[in-house]
Amino acid sequence: MSDNAEIKLETAPFDARFPNTNQSKHCWQAYGDYYKCIDARGEDFAPCQQFKKTFMSICPEAWVSRWDEQREDGTIPFKVTV
């Protein structure tokens, strides 16, 4: 990265479905929505990236790692395909 490159830090935007301070459900929903989106539209579909940006900013890394392992094993406890 060059010295002149600007780094823009962002977090997940407000989602009225999750008005409380506990963002666990929002995290889980964004993770699932991302994988459903790329399953339906492919990884190159730009709107899917908003879901990824959201879960990457609000989900604990340990949760994402565990869910990734469970997805690969086919044992994830919620549906992530269309």
N, C-alpha and C. Protein backbone atom coordinates (compact mmCIF):
# COMPACT_ATOMS: atom_id res chain seq x y z
N MET A 1 0.85 -1.17 0.00
CA MET A 1 0.00 0.00 0.00
C MET A 1 0.89 1.23 0.00
N SER A 2 0.55 2.21 -0.81
CA SER A 2 1.38 3.40 -0.90
C SER A 2 1.16 4.31 0.31
N ASP A 3 2.11 5.20 0.52
CA ASP A 3 2.02 6.13 1.65
C ASP A 3 0.86 7.11 1.49
N ASN A 4 0.43 7.35 0.27
CA ASN A 4 -0.64 8.31 0.01
C ASN A 4 -2.03 7.69 0.06
N ALA A 5 -2.10 6.38 0.19
CA ALA A 5 -3.41 5.71 0.21
C ALA A 5 -4.16 6.06 1.49
N GLU A 6 -5.43 6.37 1.32
CA GLU A 6 -6.27 6.71 2.46
C GLU A 6 -7.00 5.46 2.92
N ILE A 7 -6.98 5.21 4.20
CA ILE A 7 -7.69 4.08 4.78
C ILE A 7 -9.01 4.59 5.33
N LYS A 8 -10.09 3.96 4.90
CA LYS A 8 -11.41 4.35 5.36
C LYS A 8 -11.96 3.26 6.26
N LEU A 9 -12.14 3.58 7.53
CA LEU A 9 -12.69 2.63 8.49
C LEU A 9 -14.19 2.83 8.60
N GLU A 10 -14.93 1.74 8.52
CA GLU A 10 -16.38 1.81 8.61
C GLU A 10 -16.87 0.67 9.50
N THR A 11 -18.07 0.83 9.98
CA THR A 11 -18.72 -0.25 10.71
C THR A 11 -20.07 -0.50 10.05
N ALA A 12 -20.76 -1.49 10.53
CA ALA A 12 -22.06 -1.83 9.95
C ALA A 12 -23.04 -0.68 10.12
N PRO A 13 -23.84 -0.40 9.09
CA PRO A 13 -24.84 0.66 9.22
C PRO A 13 -25.98 0.22 10.15
N PHE A 14 -26.76 1.18 10.62
CA PHE A 14 -27.90 0.88 11.47
C PHE A 14 -28.89 0.00 10.72
N ASP A 15 -29.42 -1.00 11.36
CA ASP A 15 -30.43 -1.87 10.79
C ASP A 15 -31.61 -1.87 11.76
N ALA A 16 -32.75 -1.35 11.32
CA ALA A 16 -33.92 -1.19 12.18
C ALA A 16 -34.45 -2.53 12.70
N ARG A 17 -34.08 -3.63 12.06
CA ARG A 17 -34.53 -4.94 12.55
C ARG A 17 -33.83 -5.31 13.85
N PHE A 18 -32.70 -4.63 14.16
CA PHE A 18 -31.91 -4.95 15.34
C PHE A 18 -31.63 -3.67 16.13
N PRO A 19 -32.65 -3.12 16.78
CA PRO A 19 -32.48 -1.82 17.45
C PRO A 19 -31.75 -1.89 18.79
N ASN A 20 -31.60 -3.06 19.35
CA ASN A 20 -30.97 -3.19 20.66
C ASN A 20 -29.46 -3.13 20.56
N THR A 21 -28.81 -2.94 21.69
CA THR A 21 -27.35 -2.87 21.69
C THR A 21 -26.71 -4.23 21.48
N ASN A 22 -27.40 -5.32 21.84
CA ASN A 22 -26.87 -6.65 21.61
C ASN A 22 -26.99 -6.98 20.12
N GLN A 23 -25.88 -7.09 19.45
CA GLN A 23 -25.89 -7.28 18.00
C GLN A 23 -25.69 -8.74 17.57
N SER A 24 -25.86 -9.68 18.49
CA SER A 24 -25.66 -11.09 18.17
C SER A 24 -26.53 -11.56 17.01
N LYS A 25 -27.81 -11.24 17.06
CA LYS A 25 -28.73 -11.65 15.99
C LYS A 25 -28.37 -10.98 14.68
N HIS A 26 -27.99 -9.72 14.73
CA HIS A 26 -27.59 -8.99 13.52
C HIS A 26 -26.36 -9.66 12.91
N CYS A 27 -25.42 -10.04 13.73
CA CYS A 27 -24.21 -10.74 13.30
C CYS A 27 -24.58 -12.03 12.58
N TRP A 28 -25.36 -12.85 13.25
CA TRP A 28 -25.78 -14.15 12.72
C TRP A 28 -26.53 -13.99 11.41
N GLN A 29 -27.44 -13.00 11.36
CA GLN A 29 -28.26 -12.77 10.17
C GLN A 29 -27.39 -12.33 8.98
N ALA A 30 -26.46 -11.41 9.22
CA ALA A 30 -25.59 -10.92 8.15
C ALA A 30 -24.71 -12.04 7.61
N TYR A 31 -24.19 -12.89 8.49
CA TYR A 31 -23.37 -14.02 8.06
C TYR A 31 -24.18 -14.94 7.15
N GLY A 32 -25.35 -15.32 7.61
CA GLY A 32 -26.22 -16.18 6.81
C GLY A 32 -26.63 -15.54 5.50
N ASP A 33 -26.99 -14.26 5.55
CA ASP A 33 -27.41 -13.55 4.34
C ASP A 33 -26.28 -13.48 3.31
N TYR A 34 -25.06 -13.30 3.77
CA TYR A 34 -23.93 -13.24 2.85
C TYR A 34 -23.79 -14.55 2.09
N TYR A 35 -23.80 -15.66 2.80
CA TYR A 35 -23.62 -16.94 2.13
C TYR A 35 -24.82 -17.34 1.29
N LYS A 36 -26.02 -16.94 1.69
CA LYS A 36 -27.19 -17.16 0.84
C LYS A 36 -27.07 -16.34 -0.44
N CYS A 37 -26.61 -15.10 -0.31
CA CYS A 37 -26.46 -14.19 -1.45
C CYS A 37 -25.44 -14.73 -2.45
N ILE A 38 -24.26 -15.14 -1.96
CA ILE A 38 -23.26 -15.63 -2.91
C ILE A 38 -23.65 -16.99 -3.49
N ASP A 39 -24.45 -17.75 -2.74
CA ASP A 39 -24.96 -19.02 -3.28
C ASP A 39 -25.91 -18.74 -4.44
N ALA A 40 -26.72 -17.70 -4.31
CA ALA A 40 -27.70 -17.36 -5.34
C ALA A 40 -27.10 -16.55 -6.49
N ARG A 41 -26.19 -15.63 -6.18
CA ARG A 41 -25.70 -14.68 -7.18
C ARG A 41 -24.22 -14.78 -7.52
N GLY A 42 -23.45 -15.46 -6.69
CA GLY A 42 -22.01 -15.56 -6.91
C GLY A 42 -21.24 -14.52 -6.13
N GLU A 43 -19.96 -14.81 -5.88
CA GLU A 43 -19.13 -13.92 -5.06
C GLU A 43 -18.88 -12.56 -5.71
N ASP A 44 -19.01 -12.48 -7.02
CA ASP A 44 -18.74 -11.21 -7.71
C ASP A 44 -19.93 -10.25 -7.68
N PHE A 45 -21.07 -10.68 -7.15
CA PHE A 45 -22.25 -9.82 -7.07
C PHE A 45 -22.04 -8.80 -5.96
N ALA A 46 -21.86 -7.54 -6.34
CA ALA A 46 -21.46 -6.48 -5.40
C ALA A 46 -22.37 -6.33 -4.18
N PRO A 47 -23.69 -6.38 -4.30
CA PRO A 47 -24.53 -6.21 -3.10
C PRO A 47 -24.26 -7.24 -2.00
N CYS A 48 -23.75 -8.41 -2.35
CA CYS A 48 -23.43 -9.42 -1.33
C CYS A 48 -22.33 -8.91 -0.40
N GLN A 49 -21.47 -8.05 -0.92
CA GLN A 49 -20.34 -7.58 -0.12
C GLN A 49 -20.77 -6.75 1.09
N GLN A 50 -21.96 -6.12 1.02
CA GLN A 50 -22.45 -5.37 2.18
C GLN A 50 -22.72 -6.29 3.36
N PHE A 51 -23.26 -7.48 3.09
CA PHE A 51 -23.47 -8.46 4.16
C PHE A 51 -22.14 -8.88 4.77
N LYS A 52 -21.16 -9.11 3.91
CA LYS A 52 -19.84 -9.52 4.40
C LYS A 52 -19.22 -8.42 5.24
N LYS A 53 -19.30 -7.19 4.76
CA LYS A 53 -18.74 -6.06 5.51
C LYS A 53 -19.39 -5.96 6.89
N THR A 54 -20.70 -6.19 6.93
CA THR A 54 -21.44 -6.12 8.19
C THR A 54 -20.98 -7.20 9.16
N PHE A 55 -20.99 -8.46 8.71
CA PHE A 55 -20.63 -9.51 9.67
C PHE A 55 -19.16 -9.45 10.05
N MET A 56 -18.30 -9.01 9.15
CA MET A 56 -16.89 -8.91 9.48
C MET A 56 -16.63 -7.80 10.51
N SER A 57 -17.50 -6.80 10.55
CA SER A 57 -17.28 -5.70 11.49
C SER A 57 -17.95 -5.93 12.85
N ILE A 58 -19.01 -6.75 12.92
CA ILE A 58 -19.70 -6.88 14.20
C ILE A 58 -19.61 -8.27 14.83
N CYS A 59 -19.23 -9.27 14.07
CA CYS A 59 -19.15 -10.63 14.63
C CYS A 59 -17.78 -10.88 15.25
N PRO A 60 -17.74 -11.55 16.38
CA PRO A 60 -16.45 -11.96 16.94
C PRO A 60 -15.75 -12.93 15.96
N GLU A 61 -14.46 -12.77 15.80
CA GLU A 61 -13.70 -13.62 14.88
C GLU A 61 -13.85 -15.10 15.21
N ALA A 62 -13.93 -15.42 16.48
CA ALA A 62 -14.06 -16.82 16.89
C ALA A 62 -15.37 -17.42 16.36
N TRP A 63 -16.44 -16.64 16.36
CA TRP A 63 -17.72 -17.13 15.85
C TRP A 63 -17.61 -17.40 14.35
N VAL A 64 -17.04 -16.44 13.63
CA VAL A 64 -16.92 -16.58 12.18
C VAL A 64 -16.06 -17.79 11.84
N SER A 65 -14.97 -17.97 12.54
CA SER A 65 -14.10 -19.13 12.30
C SER A 65 -14.85 -20.43 12.54
N ARG A 66 -15.59 -20.48 13.65
CA ARG A 66 -16.34 -21.70 13.97
C ARG A 66 -17.42 -21.96 12.92
N TRP A 67 -18.15 -20.90 12.53
CA TRP A 67 -19.19 -21.08 11.51
C TRP A 67 -18.59 -21.48 10.17
N ASP A 68 -17.42 -20.94 9.81
CA ASP A 68 -16.75 -21.33 8.57
C ASP A 68 -16.41 -22.82 8.60
N GLU A 69 -15.88 -23.29 9.72
CA GLU A 69 -15.56 -24.72 9.86
C GLU A 69 -16.82 -25.57 9.76
N GLN A 70 -17.88 -25.12 10.42
CA GLN A 70 -19.13 -25.87 10.39
C GLN A 70 -19.73 -25.87 8.98
N ARG A 71 -19.63 -24.77 8.26
CA ARG A 71 -20.11 -24.72 6.88
C ARG A 71 -19.37 -25.74 6.02
N GLU A 72 -18.03 -25.78 6.17
CA GLU A 72 -17.22 -26.71 5.40
C GLU A 72 -17.56 -28.16 5.74
N ASP A 73 -17.86 -28.43 7.01
CA ASP A 73 -18.20 -29.78 7.46
C ASP A 73 -19.66 -30.14 7.19
N GLY A 74 -20.49 -29.14 6.86
CA GLY A 74 -21.92 -29.39 6.65
C GLY A 74 -22.69 -29.52 7.95
N THR A 75 -22.13 -28.99 9.04
CA THR A 75 -22.79 -29.13 10.35
C THR A 75 -23.25 -27.80 10.93
N ILE A 76 -23.28 -26.74 10.13
CA ILE A 76 -23.69 -25.43 10.66
C ILE A 76 -25.15 -25.50 11.10
N PRO A 77 -25.47 -24.92 12.27
CA PRO A 77 -26.82 -25.10 12.82
C PRO A 77 -27.90 -24.18 12.23
N PHE A 78 -27.61 -23.51 11.13
CA PHE A 78 -28.63 -22.71 10.47
C PHE A 78 -28.40 -22.75 8.97
N LYS A 79 -29.43 -22.41 8.22
CA LYS A 79 -29.38 -22.52 6.77
C LYS A 79 -28.60 -21.35 6.15
N VAL A 80 -27.60 -21.66 5.32
CA VAL A 80 -26.81 -20.62 4.66
C VAL A 80 -26.83 -20.77 3.14
N THR A 81 -27.80 -21.50 2.64
CA THR A 81 -27.98 -21.63 1.19
C THR A 81 -29.42 -21.29 0.87
N VAL A 82 -29.65 -20.99 -0.38
CA VAL A 82 -30.98 -20.61 -0.83
C VAL A 82 -31.84 -21.84 -1.02
